[in-house]
PDB file of N, CA and C in Angstrom:
ATOM      1  N   MET A   1     173.380  36.452 -13.813  1.00  0.00           N
ATOM      2  CA  MET A   1     174.721  36.068 -13.415  1.00  0.00           C
ATOM      3  C   MET A   1     175.530  37.323 -13.088  1.00  0.00           C
ATOM      4  N   VAL A   2     176.242  37.279 -12.005  1.00  0.00           N
ATOM      5  CA  VAL A   2     177.109  38.404 -11.641  1.00  0.00           C
ATOM      6  C   VAL A   2     178.435  38.264 -12.375  1.00  0.00           C
ATOM      7  N   SER A   3     178.943  39.385 -12.863  1.00  0.00           N
ATOM      8  CA  SER A   3     180.218  39.353 -13.569  1.00  0.00           C
ATOM      9  C   SER A   3     181.173  40.443 -13.110  1.00  0.00           C
ATOM     10  N   LEU A   4     180.646  41.443 -12.422  1.00  0.00           N
ATOM     11  CA  LEU A   4     181.451  42.561 -11.943  1.00  0.00           C
ATOM     12  C   LEU A   4     181.193  42.774 -10.458  1.00  0.00           C
ATOM     13  N   ALA A   5     182.185  43.344  -9.771  1.00  0.00           N
ATOM     14  CA  ALA A   5     182.024  43.551  -8.334  1.00  0.00           C
ATOM     15  C   ALA A   5     182.816  44.766  -7.884  1.00  0.00           C
ATOM     16  N   LEU A   6     182.588  45.114  -6.639  1.00  0.00           N
ATOM     17  CA  LEU A   6     183.375  46.120  -5.933  1.00  0.00           C
ATOM     18  C   LEU A   6     183.871  45.506  -4.645  1.00  0.00           C
ATOM     19  N   PHE A   7     185.122  45.771  -4.323  1.00  0.00           N
ATOM     20  CA  PHE A   7     185.673  45.379  -3.034  1.00  0.00           C
ATOM     21  C   PHE A   7     186.198  46.652  -2.397  1.00  0.00           C
ATOM     22  N   VAL A   8     185.630  47.011  -1.253  1.00  0.00           N
ATOM     23  CA  VAL A   8     185.956  48.273  -0.596  1.00  0.00           C
ATOM     24  C   VAL A   8     186.524  47.976   0.785  1.00  0.00           C
ATOM     25  N   ARG A   9     187.710  48.495   1.039  1.00  0.00           N
ATOM     26  CA  ARG A   9     188.321  48.361   2.370  1.00  0.00           C
ATOM     27  C   ARG A   9     188.126  49.660   3.137  1.00  0.00           C
ATOM     28  N   LEU A  10     187.762  49.510   4.412  1.00  0.00           N
ATOM     29  CA  LEU A  10     187.489  50.643   5.282  1.00  0.00           C
ATOM     30  C   LEU A  10     188.257  50.473   6.584  1.00  0.00           C
ATOM     31  N   GLU A  11     188.951  51.508   7.005  1.00  0.00           N
ATOM     32  CA  GLU A  11     189.642  51.516   8.291  1.00  0.00           C
ATOM     33  C   GLU A  11     188.960  52.530   9.197  1.00  0.00           C
ATOM     34  N   ALA A  12     188.468  52.066  10.329  1.00  0.00           N
ATOM     35  CA  ALA A  12     187.786  52.949  11.272  1.00  0.00           C
ATOM     36  C   ALA A  12     188.781  53.829  12.012  1.00  0.00           C
ATOM     37  N   LYS A  13     188.356  55.045  12.290  1.00  0.00           N
ATOM     38  CA  LYS A  13     189.140  55.914  13.165  1.00  0.00           C
ATOM     39  C   LYS A  13     189.177  55.294  14.554  1.00  0.00           C
ATOM     40  N   PRO A  14     190.204  55.581  15.341  1.00  0.00           N
ATOM     41  CA  PRO A  14     190.215  55.094  16.721  1.00  0.00           C
ATOM     42  C   PRO A  14     188.937  55.521  17.438  1.00  0.00           C
ATOM     43  N   GLY A  15     188.321  54.567  18.105  1.00  0.00           N
ATOM     44  CA  GLY A  15     187.098  54.823  18.848  1.00  0.00           C
ATOM     45  C   GLY A  15     185.831  54.802  18.005  1.00  0.00           C
ATOM     46  N   GLN A  16     185.949  54.571  16.692  1.00  0.00           N
ATOM     47  CA  GLN A  16     184.779  54.605  15.818  1.00  0.00           C
ATOM     48  C   GLN A  16     184.423  53.244  15.210  1.00  0.00           C
ATOM     49  N   ALA A  17     185.089  52.182  15.640  1.00  0.00           N
ATOM     50  CA  ALA A  17     184.845  50.864  15.049  1.00  0.00           C
ATOM     51  C   ALA A  17     183.398  50.405  15.240  1.00  0.00           C
ATOM     52  N   GLU A  18     182.860  50.576  16.408  1.00  0.00           N
ATOM     53  CA  GLU A  18     181.479  50.127  16.643  1.00  0.00           C
ATOM     54  C   GLU A  18     180.489  50.978  15.857  1.00  0.00           C
ATOM     55  N   ALA A  19     180.760  52.268  15.751  1.00  0.00           N
ATOM     56  CA  ALA A  19     179.882  53.142  14.963  1.00  0.00           C
ATOM     57  C   ALA A  19     179.938  52.771  13.485  1.00  0.00           C
ATOM     58  N   LEU A  20     181.131  52.423  12.986  1.00  0.00           N
ATOM     59  CA  LEU A  20     181.251  52.002  11.595  1.00  0.00           C
ATOM     60  C   LEU A  20     180.529  50.680  11.383  1.00  0.00           C
ATOM     61  N   GLN A  21     180.670  49.765  12.324  1.00  0.00           N
ATOM     62  CA  GLN A  21     179.952  48.495  12.212  1.00  0.00           C
ATOM     63  C   GLN A  21     178.441  48.724  12.155  1.00  0.00           C
ATOM     64  N   THR A  22     177.927  49.557  13.020  1.00  0.00           N
ATOM     65  CA  THR A  22     176.495  49.851  13.030  1.00  0.00           C
ATOM     66  C   THR A  22     176.066  50.484  11.710  1.00  0.00           C
ATOM     67  N   PHE A  23     176.882  51.404  11.192  1.00  0.00           N
ATOM     68  CA  PHE A  23     176.588  52.026   9.910  1.00  0.00           C
ATOM     69  C   PHE A  23     176.510  50.967   8.813  1.00  0.00           C
ATOM     70  N   LEU A  24     177.481  50.067   8.772  1.00  0.00           N
ATOM     71  CA  LEU A  24     177.498  49.034   7.737  1.00  0.00           C
ATOM     72  C   LEU A  24     176.315  48.078   7.873  1.00  0.00           C
ATOM     73  N   GLU A  25     175.980  47.710   9.077  1.00  0.00           N
ATOM     74  CA  GLU A  25     174.814  46.835   9.281  1.00  0.00           C
ATOM     75  C   GLU A  25     173.544  47.508   8.755  1.00  0.00           C
ATOM     76  N   GLY A  26     173.431  48.810   8.946  1.00  0.00           N
ATOM     77  CA  GLY A  26     172.287  49.550   8.448  1.00  0.00           C
ATOM     78  C   GLY A  26     172.277  49.683   6.931  1.00  0.00           C
ATOM     79  N   GLY A  27     173.421  49.489   6.301  1.00  0.00           N
ATOM     80  CA  GLY A  27     173.504  49.567   4.852  1.00  0.00           C
ATOM     81  C   GLY A  27     172.744  48.469   4.141  1.00  0.00           C
ATOM     82  N   LEU A  28     172.459  47.384   4.822  1.00  0.00           N
ATOM     83  CA  LEU A  28     171.726  46.285   4.196  1.00  0.00           C
ATOM     84  C   LEU A  28     170.368  46.747   3.681  1.00  0.00           C
ATOM     85  N   GLN A  29     169.690  47.559   4.434  1.00  0.00           N
ATOM     86  CA  GLN A  29     168.381  48.062   4.006  1.00  0.00           C
ATOM     87  C   GLN A  29     168.519  48.852   2.702  1.00  0.00           C
ATOM     88  N   LEU A  30     169.546  49.682   2.603  1.00  0.00           N
ATOM     89  CA  LEU A  30     169.772  50.450   1.375  1.00  0.00           C
ATOM     90  C   LEU A  30     170.143  49.530   0.218  1.00  0.00           C
ATOM     91  N   ALA A  31     170.974  48.523   0.477  1.00  0.00           N
ATOM     92  CA  ALA A  31     171.368  47.579  -0.571  1.00  0.00           C
ATOM     93  C   ALA A  31     170.162  46.802  -1.085  1.00  0.00           C
ATOM     94  N   ASN A  32     169.265  46.428  -0.185  1.00  0.00           N
ATOM     95  CA  ASN A  32     168.056  45.703  -0.601  1.00  0.00           C
ATOM     96  C   ASN A  32     167.174  46.539  -1.524  1.00  0.00           C
ATOM     97  N   ALA A  33     167.283  47.845  -1.453  1.00  0.00           N
ATOM     98  CA  ALA A  33     166.480  48.729  -2.293  1.00  0.00           C
ATOM     99  C   ALA A  33     167.113  48.970  -3.667  1.00  0.00           C
ATOM    100  N   GLU A  34     168.302  48.440  -3.903  1.00  0.00           N
ATOM    101  CA  GLU A  34     168.984  48.610  -5.183  1.00  0.00           C
ATOM    102  C   GLU A  34     168.739  47.386  -6.062  1.00  0.00           C
ATOM    103  N   PRO A  35     167.884  47.479  -7.057  1.00  0.00           N
ATOM    104  CA  PRO A  35     167.544  46.299  -7.855  1.00  0.00           C
ATOM    105  C   PRO A  35     168.716  45.719  -8.643  1.00  0.00           C
ATOM    106  N   GLU A  36     169.729  46.522  -8.953  1.00  0.00           N
ATOM    107  CA  GLU A  36     170.847  46.021  -9.748  1.00  0.00           C
ATOM    108  C   GLU A  36     172.014  45.518  -8.894  1.00  0.00           C
ATOM    109  N   THR A  37     171.884  45.602  -7.572  1.00  0.00           N
ATOM    110  CA  THR A  37     172.906  45.045  -6.688  1.00  0.00           C
ATOM    111  C   THR A  37     172.485  43.626  -6.352  1.00  0.00           C
ATOM    112  N   SER A  38     173.164  42.657  -6.976  1.00  0.00           N
ATOM    113  CA  SER A  38     172.797  41.242  -6.812  1.00  0.00           C
ATOM    114  C   SER A  38     173.264  40.660  -5.491  1.00  0.00           C
ATOM    115  N   VAL A  39     174.438  41.100  -5.047  1.00  0.00           N
ATOM    116  CA  VAL A  39     175.066  40.561  -3.841  1.00  0.00           C
ATOM    117  C   VAL A  39     175.648  41.731  -3.072  1.00  0.00           C
ATOM    118  N   TRP A  40     175.470  41.740  -1.759  1.00  0.00           N
ATOM    119  CA  TRP A  40     176.044  42.800  -0.926  1.00  0.00           C
ATOM    120  C   TRP A  40     176.424  42.211   0.421  1.00  0.00           C
ATOM    121  N   PHE A  41     177.672  42.396   0.810  1.00  0.00           N
ATOM    122  CA  PHE A  41     178.170  41.922   2.106  1.00  0.00           C
ATOM    123  C   PHE A  41     178.888  43.056   2.819  1.00  0.00           C
ATOM    124  N   ALA A  42     178.619  43.222   4.098  1.00  0.00           N
ATOM    125  CA  ALA A  42     179.421  44.069   4.971  1.00  0.00           C
ATOM    126  C   ALA A  42     180.313  43.115   5.763  1.00  0.00           C
ATOM    127  N   LEU A  43     181.599  43.429   5.842  1.00  0.00           N
ATOM    128  CA  LEU A  43     182.588  42.518   6.423  1.00  0.00           C
ATOM    129  C   LEU A  43     183.384  43.201   7.529  1.00  0.00           C
ATOM    130  N   ARG A  44     183.837  42.390   8.477  1.00  0.00           N
ATOM    131  CA  ARG A  44     184.766  42.889   9.497  1.00  0.00           C
ATOM    132  C   ARG A  44     185.976  41.962   9.503  1.00  0.00           C
ATOM    133  N   PHE A  45     187.150  42.550   9.276  1.00  0.00           N
ATOM    134  CA  PHE A  45     188.388  41.777   9.208  1.00  0.00           C
ATOM    135  C   PHE A  45     189.144  41.774  10.529  1.00  0.00           C
ATOM    136  N   GLY A  46     188.954  42.802  11.322  1.00  0.00           N
ATOM    137  CA  GLY A  46     189.685  42.914  12.579  1.00  0.00           C
ATOM    138  C   GLY A  46     189.135  44.070  13.386  1.00  0.00           C
ATOM    139  N   PRO A  47     189.835  44.460  14.434  1.00  0.00           N
ATOM    140  CA  PRO A  47     189.320  45.481  15.347  1.00  0.00           C
ATOM    141  C   PRO A  47     188.932  46.792  14.665  1.00  0.00           C
ATOM    142  N   GLN A  48     189.709  47.260  13.699  1.00  0.00           N
ATOM    143  CA  GLN A  48     189.445  48.541  13.038  1.00  0.00           C
ATOM    144  C   GLN A  48     189.191  48.378  11.536  1.00  0.00           C
ATOM    145  N   SER A  49     189.334  47.162  11.015  1.00  0.00           N
ATOM    146  CA  SER A  49     189.292  46.925   9.571  1.00  0.00           C
ATOM    147  C   SER A  49     187.968  46.308   9.131  1.00  0.00           C
ATOM    148  N   PHE A  50     187.364  46.937   8.126  1.00  0.00           N
ATOM    149  CA  PHE A  50     186.065  46.524   7.614  1.00  0.00           C
ATOM    150  C   PHE A  50     186.116  46.487   6.094  1.00  0.00           C
ATOM    151  N   GLY A  51     185.051  45.985   5.508  1.00  0.00           N
ATOM    152  CA  GLY A  51     184.972  45.993   4.064  1.00  0.00           C
ATOM    153  C   GLY A  51     183.553  45.826   3.584  1.00  0.00           C
ATOM    154  N   ILE A  52     183.388  46.072   2.306  1.00  0.00           N
ATOM    155  CA  ILE A  52     182.124  45.836   1.614  1.00  0.00           C
ATOM    156  C   ILE A  52     182.458  45.086   0.336  1.00  0.00           C
ATOM    157  N   PHE A  53     181.701  44.044   0.056  1.00  0.00           N
ATOM    158  CA  PHE A  53     181.806  43.336  -1.216  1.00  0.00           C
ATOM    159  C   PHE A  53     180.416  43.304  -1.823  1.00  0.00           C
ATOM    160  N   ASP A  54     180.310  43.760  -3.049  1.00  0.00           N
ATOM    161  CA  ASP A  54     179.034  43.694  -3.736  1.00  0.00           C
ATOM    162  C   ASP A  54     179.266  43.341  -5.193  1.00  0.00           C
ATOM    163  N   ALA A  55     178.258  42.711  -5.812  1.00  0.00           N
ATOM    164  CA  ALA A  55     178.414  42.225  -7.175  1.00  0.00           C
ATOM    165  C   ALA A  55     177.203  42.591  -8.021  1.00  0.00           C
ATOM    166  N   PHE A  56     177.452  42.646  -9.344  1.00  0.00           N
ATOM    167  CA  PHE A  56     176.484  43.172 -10.293  1.00  0.00           C
ATOM    168  C   PHE A  56     176.543  42.379 -11.593  1.00  0.00           C
ATOM    169  N   ALA A  57     175.463  42.421 -12.343  1.00  0.00           N
ATOM    170  CA  ALA A  57     175.406  41.727 -13.627  1.00  0.00           C
ATOM    171  C   ALA A  57     176.133  42.497 -14.722  1.00  0.00           C
ATOM    172  N   ASN A  58     176.232  43.832 -14.555  1.00  0.00           N
ATOM    173  CA  ASN A  58     176.832  44.629 -15.621  1.00  0.00           C
ATOM    174  C   ASN A  58     177.384  45.940 -15.052  1.00  0.00           C
ATOM    175  N   GLU A  59     178.067  46.676 -15.915  1.00  0.00           N
ATOM    176  CA  GLU A  59     178.691  47.936 -15.494  1.00  0.00           C
ATOM    177  C   GLU A  59     177.651  48.982 -15.093  1.00  0.00           C
ATOM    178  N   HIS A  60     176.514  48.978 -15.727  1.00  0.00           N
ATOM    179  CA  HIS A  60     175.454  49.932 -15.369  1.00  0.00           C
ATOM    180  C   HIS A  60     175.062  49.764 -13.899  1.00  0.00           C
ATOM    181  N   GLY A  61     174.890  48.523 -13.465  1.00  0.00           N
ATOM    182  CA  GLY A  61     174.542  48.262 -12.072  1.00  0.00           C
ATOM    183  C   GLY A  61     175.631  48.691 -11.112  1.00  0.00           C
ATOM    184  N   ARG A  62     176.882  48.417 -11.491  1.00  0.00           N
ATOM    185  CA  ARG A  62     177.999  48.799 -10.626  1.00  0.00           C
ATOM    186  C   ARG A  62     178.088  50.314 -10.498  1.00  0.00           C
ATOM    187  N   GLU A  63     177.941  51.029 -11.605  1.00  0.00           N
ATOM    188  CA  GLU A  63     178.001  52.495 -11.564  1.00  0.00           C
ATOM    189  C   GLU A  63     176.809  53.079 -10.803  1.00  0.00           C
ATOM    190  N   ALA A  64     175.630  52.471 -10.975  1.00  0.00           N
ATOM    191  CA  ALA A  64     174.459  52.933 -10.221  1.00  0.00           C
ATOM    192  C   ALA A  64     174.710  52.809  -8.725  1.00  0.00           C
ATOM    193  N   HIS A  65     175.347  51.729  -8.319  1.00  0.00           N
ATOM    194  CA  HIS A  65     175.657  51.533  -6.904  1.00  0.00           C
ATOM    195  C   HIS A  65     176.686  52.565  -6.422  1.00  0.00           C
ATOM    196  N   LEU A  66     177.727  52.786  -7.210  1.00  0.00           N
ATOM    197  CA  LEU A  66     178.751  53.759  -6.833  1.00  0.00           C
ATOM    198  C   LEU A  66     178.176  55.170  -6.697  1.00  0.00           C
ATOM    199  N   ASN A  67     177.112  55.443  -7.397  1.00  0.00           N
ATOM    200  CA  ASN A  67     176.468  56.755  -7.342  1.00  0.00           C
ATOM    201  C   ASN A  67     175.179  56.737  -6.530  1.00  0.00           C
ATOM    202  N   GLY A  68     174.972  55.665  -5.750  1.00  0.00           N
ATOM    203  CA  GLY A  68     173.727  55.478  -5.024  1.00  0.00           C
ATOM    204  C   GLY A  68     173.767  55.908  -3.567  1.00  0.00           C
ATOM    205  N   ALA A  69     172.745  55.482  -2.853  1.00  0.00           N
ATOM    206  CA  ALA A  69     172.508  55.918  -1.476  1.00  0.00           C
ATOM    207  C   ALA A  69     173.577  55.449  -0.494  1.00  0.00           C
ATOM    208  N   ILE A  70     174.067  54.224  -0.645  1.00  0.00           N
ATOM    209  CA  ILE A  70     175.069  53.712   0.301  1.00  0.00           C
ATOM    210  C   ILE A  70     176.358  54.513   0.184  1.00  0.00           C
ATOM    211  N   ALA A  71     176.824  54.703  -1.056  1.00  0.00           N
ATOM    212  CA  ALA A  71     178.053  55.468  -1.268  1.00  0.00           C
ATOM    213  C   ALA A  71     177.899  56.896  -0.754  1.00  0.00           C
ATOM    214  N   ALA A  72     176.759  57.513  -1.030  1.00  0.00           N
ATOM    215  CA  ALA A  72     176.523  58.885  -0.563  1.00  0.00           C
ATOM    216  C   ALA A  72     176.524  58.957   0.960  1.00  0.00           C
ATOM    217  N   ALA A  73     175.879  57.998   1.605  1.00  0.00           N
ATOM    218  CA  ALA A  73     175.826  57.985   3.074  1.00  0.00           C
ATOM    219  C   ALA A  73     177.216  57.763   3.663  1.00  0.00           C
ATOM    220  N   LEU A  74     177.991  56.857   3.047  1.00  0.00           N
ATOM    221  CA  LEU A  74     179.349  56.596   3.538  1.00  0.00           C
ATOM    222  C   LEU A  74     180.221  57.834   3.389  1.00  0.00           C
ATOM    223  N   MET A  75     180.168  58.477   2.251  1.00  0.00           N
ATOM    224  CA  MET A  75     181.000  59.654   2.050  1.00  0.00           C
ATOM    225  C   MET A  75     180.578  60.800   2.965  1.00  0.00           C
ATOM    226  N   ALA A  76     179.290  60.885   3.282  1.00  0.00           N
ATOM    227  CA  ALA A  76     178.818  61.932   4.193  1.00  0.00           C
ATOM    228  C   ALA A  76     179.371  61.742   5.599  1.00  0.00           C
ATOM    229  N   ARG A  77     179.662  60.485   5.966  1.00  0.00           N
ATOM    230  CA  ARG A  77     180.154  60.204   7.321  1.00  0.00           C
ATOM    231  C   ARG A  77     181.621  59.798   7.348  1.00  0.00           C
ATOM    232  N   ALA A  78     182.288  59.819   6.203  1.00  0.00           N
ATOM    233  CA  ALA A  78     183.679  59.364   6.115  1.00  0.00           C
ATOM    234  C   ALA A  78     184.595  60.113   7.080  1.00  0.00           C
ATOM    235  N   GLY A  79     184.472  61.412   7.151  1.00  0.00           N
ATOM    236  CA  GLY A  79     185.336  62.193   8.039  1.00  0.00           C
ATOM    237  C   GLY A  79     185.171  61.835   9.502  1.00  0.00           C
ATOM    238  N   GLU A  80     183.983  61.434   9.861  1.00  0.00           N
ATOM    239  CA  GLU A  80     183.673  61.054  11.243  1.00  0.00           C
ATOM    240  C   GLU A  80     184.134  59.631  11.558  1.00  0.00           C
ATOM    241  N   LEU A  81     183.930  58.706  10.608  1.00  0.00           N
ATOM    242  CA  LEU A  81     184.126  57.281  10.878  1.00  0.00           C
ATOM    243  C   LEU A  81     185.449  56.691  10.405  1.00  0.00           C
ATOM    244  N   LEU A  82     186.031  57.233   9.340  1.00  0.00           N
ATOM    245  CA  LEU A  82     187.152  56.565   8.674  1.00  0.00           C
ATOM    246  C   LEU A  82     188.494  57.240   8.938  1.00  0.00           C
ATOM    247  N   ALA A  83     189.510  56.409   9.139  1.00  0.00           N
ATOM    248  CA  ALA A  83     190.867  56.892   9.361  1.00  0.00           C
ATOM    249  C   ALA A  83     191.533  57.319   8.051  1.00  0.00           C
ATOM    250  N   GLU A  84     191.025  56.821   6.931  1.00  0.00           N
ATOM    251  CA  GLU A  84     191.561  57.134   5.610  1.00  0.00           C
ATOM    252  C   GLU A  84     190.428  56.982   4.596  1.00  0.00           C
ATOM    253  N   PRO A  85     190.584  57.514   3.403  1.00  0.00           N
ATOM    254  CA  PRO A  85     189.518  57.355   2.399  1.00  0.00           C
ATOM    255  C   PRO A  85     189.272  55.880   2.084  1.00  0.00           C
ATOM    256  N   PRO A  86     188.048  55.525   1.720  1.00  0.00           N
ATOM    257  CA  PRO A  86     187.766  54.139   1.342  1.00  0.00           C
ATOM    258  C   PRO A  86     188.646  53.733   0.163  1.00  0.00           C
ATOM    259  N   ARG A  87     189.125  52.495   0.191  1.00  0.00           N
ATOM    260  CA  ARG A  87     189.903  51.950  -0.934  1.00  0.00           C
ATOM    261  C   ARG A  87     188.949  51.107  -1.768  1.00  0.00           C
ATOM    262  N   ILE A  88     188.532  51.651  -2.899  1.00  0.00           N
ATOM    263  CA  ILE A  88     187.535  51.017  -3.746  1.00  0.00           C
ATOM    264  C   ILE A  88     188.229  50.346  -4.923  1.00  0.00           C
ATOM    265  N   GLU A  89     188.012  49.045  -5.058  1.00  0.00           N
ATOM    266  CA  GLU A  89     188.577  48.294  -6.170  1.00  0.00           C
ATOM    267  C   GLU A  89     187.450  47.740  -7.025  1.00  0.00           C
ATOM    268  N   LYS A  90     187.519  47.997  -8.317  1.00  0.00           N
ATOM    269  CA  LYS A  90     186.602  47.375  -9.264  1.00  0.00           C
ATOM    270  C   LYS A  90     187.216  46.039  -9.662  1.00  0.00           C
ATOM    271  N   VAL A  91     186.463  44.974  -9.499  1.00  0.00           N
ATOM    272  CA  VAL A  91     186.985  43.640  -9.785  1.00  0.00           C
ATOM    273  C   VAL A  91     186.012  42.868 -10.675  1.00  0.00           C
ATOM    274  N   ASP A  92     186.545  41.851 -11.346  1.00  0.00           N
ATOM    275  CA  ASP A  92     185.736  40.946 -12.154  1.00  0.00           C
ATOM    276  C   ASP A  92     185.429  39.698 -11.346  1.00  0.00           C
ATOM    277  N   VAL A  93     184.237  39.180 -11.464  1.00  0.00           N
ATOM    278  CA  VAL A  93     183.852  37.924 -10.823  1.00  0.00           C
ATOM    279  C   VAL A  93     184.148  36.808 -11.816  1.00  0.00           C
ATOM    280  N   LEU A  94     185.009  35.881 -11.432  1.00  0.00           N
ATOM    281  CA  LEU A  94     185.373  34.767 -12.303  1.00  0.00           C
ATOM    282  C   LEU A  94     184.414  33.603 -12.192  1.00  0.00           C
ATOM    283  N   ALA A  95     183.909  33.370 -10.998  1.00  0.00           N
ATOM    284  CA  ALA A  95     182.955  32.296 -10.754  1.00  0.00           C
ATOM    285  C   ALA A  95     182.183  32.639  -9.492  1.00  0.00           C
ATOM    286  N   ALA A  96     180.929  32.180  -9.426  1.00  0.00           N
ATOM    287  CA  ALA A  96     180.115  32.497  -8.256  1.00  0.00           C
ATOM    288  C   ALA A  96     179.089  31.398  -8.037  1.00  0.00           C
ATOM    289  N   LYS A  97     178.800  31.155  -6.774  1.00  0.00           N
ATOM    290  CA  LYS A  97     177.682  30.294  -6.376  1.00  0.00           C
ATOM    291  C   LYS A  97     176.773  31.169  -5.534  1.00  0.00           C
ATOM    292  N   LEU A  98     175.576  31.380  -6.000  1.00  0.00           N
ATOM    293  CA  LEU A  98     174.606  32.191  -5.281  1.00  0.00           C
ATOM    294  C   LEU A  98     173.450  31.305  -4.874  1.00  0.00           C
ATOM    295  N   GLY A  99     173.166  31.246  -3.579  1.00  0.00           N
ATOM    296  CA  GLY A  99     172.073  30.421  -3.086  1.00  0.00           C
ATOM    297  C   GLY A  99     170.742  31.138  -3.175  1.00  0.00           C
ATOM    298  N   GLN A 100     169.707  30.401  -2.978  1.00  0.00           N
ATOM    299  CA  GLN A 100     168.351  30.956  -2.927  1.00  0.00           C
ATOM    300  C   GLN A 100     168.051  31.371  -1.499  1.00  0.00           C
ATOM    301  N   SER A 101     167.444  32.579  -1.318  1.00  0.00           N
ATOM    302  CA  SER A 101     167.103  32.995   0.043  1.00  0.00           C
ATOM    303  C   SER A 101     165.656  32.762   0.335  1.00  0.00           C
TER     304      SER A 101
END
């Protein structure tokens, strides 16, 4: 059961929205390699606005993700892709429905 999550808002620099989208789409492969990341979504809210939502069973999983490959790759390209630093919120999951894939 997931009980903890991260909600990250990302604003693309002008002219970098498509590059940020491509980067986020590629993040799925990295997320699939993280055994403690139960749920991972890359989101697009508007022309320049993006986000990531991911959920975990415990704090260990959430911290492993924050210190993992996706976060490292994002921070390595933040200056190129992002208009401002990522806004990372640690949140609690109150209820969830997870389907079978």
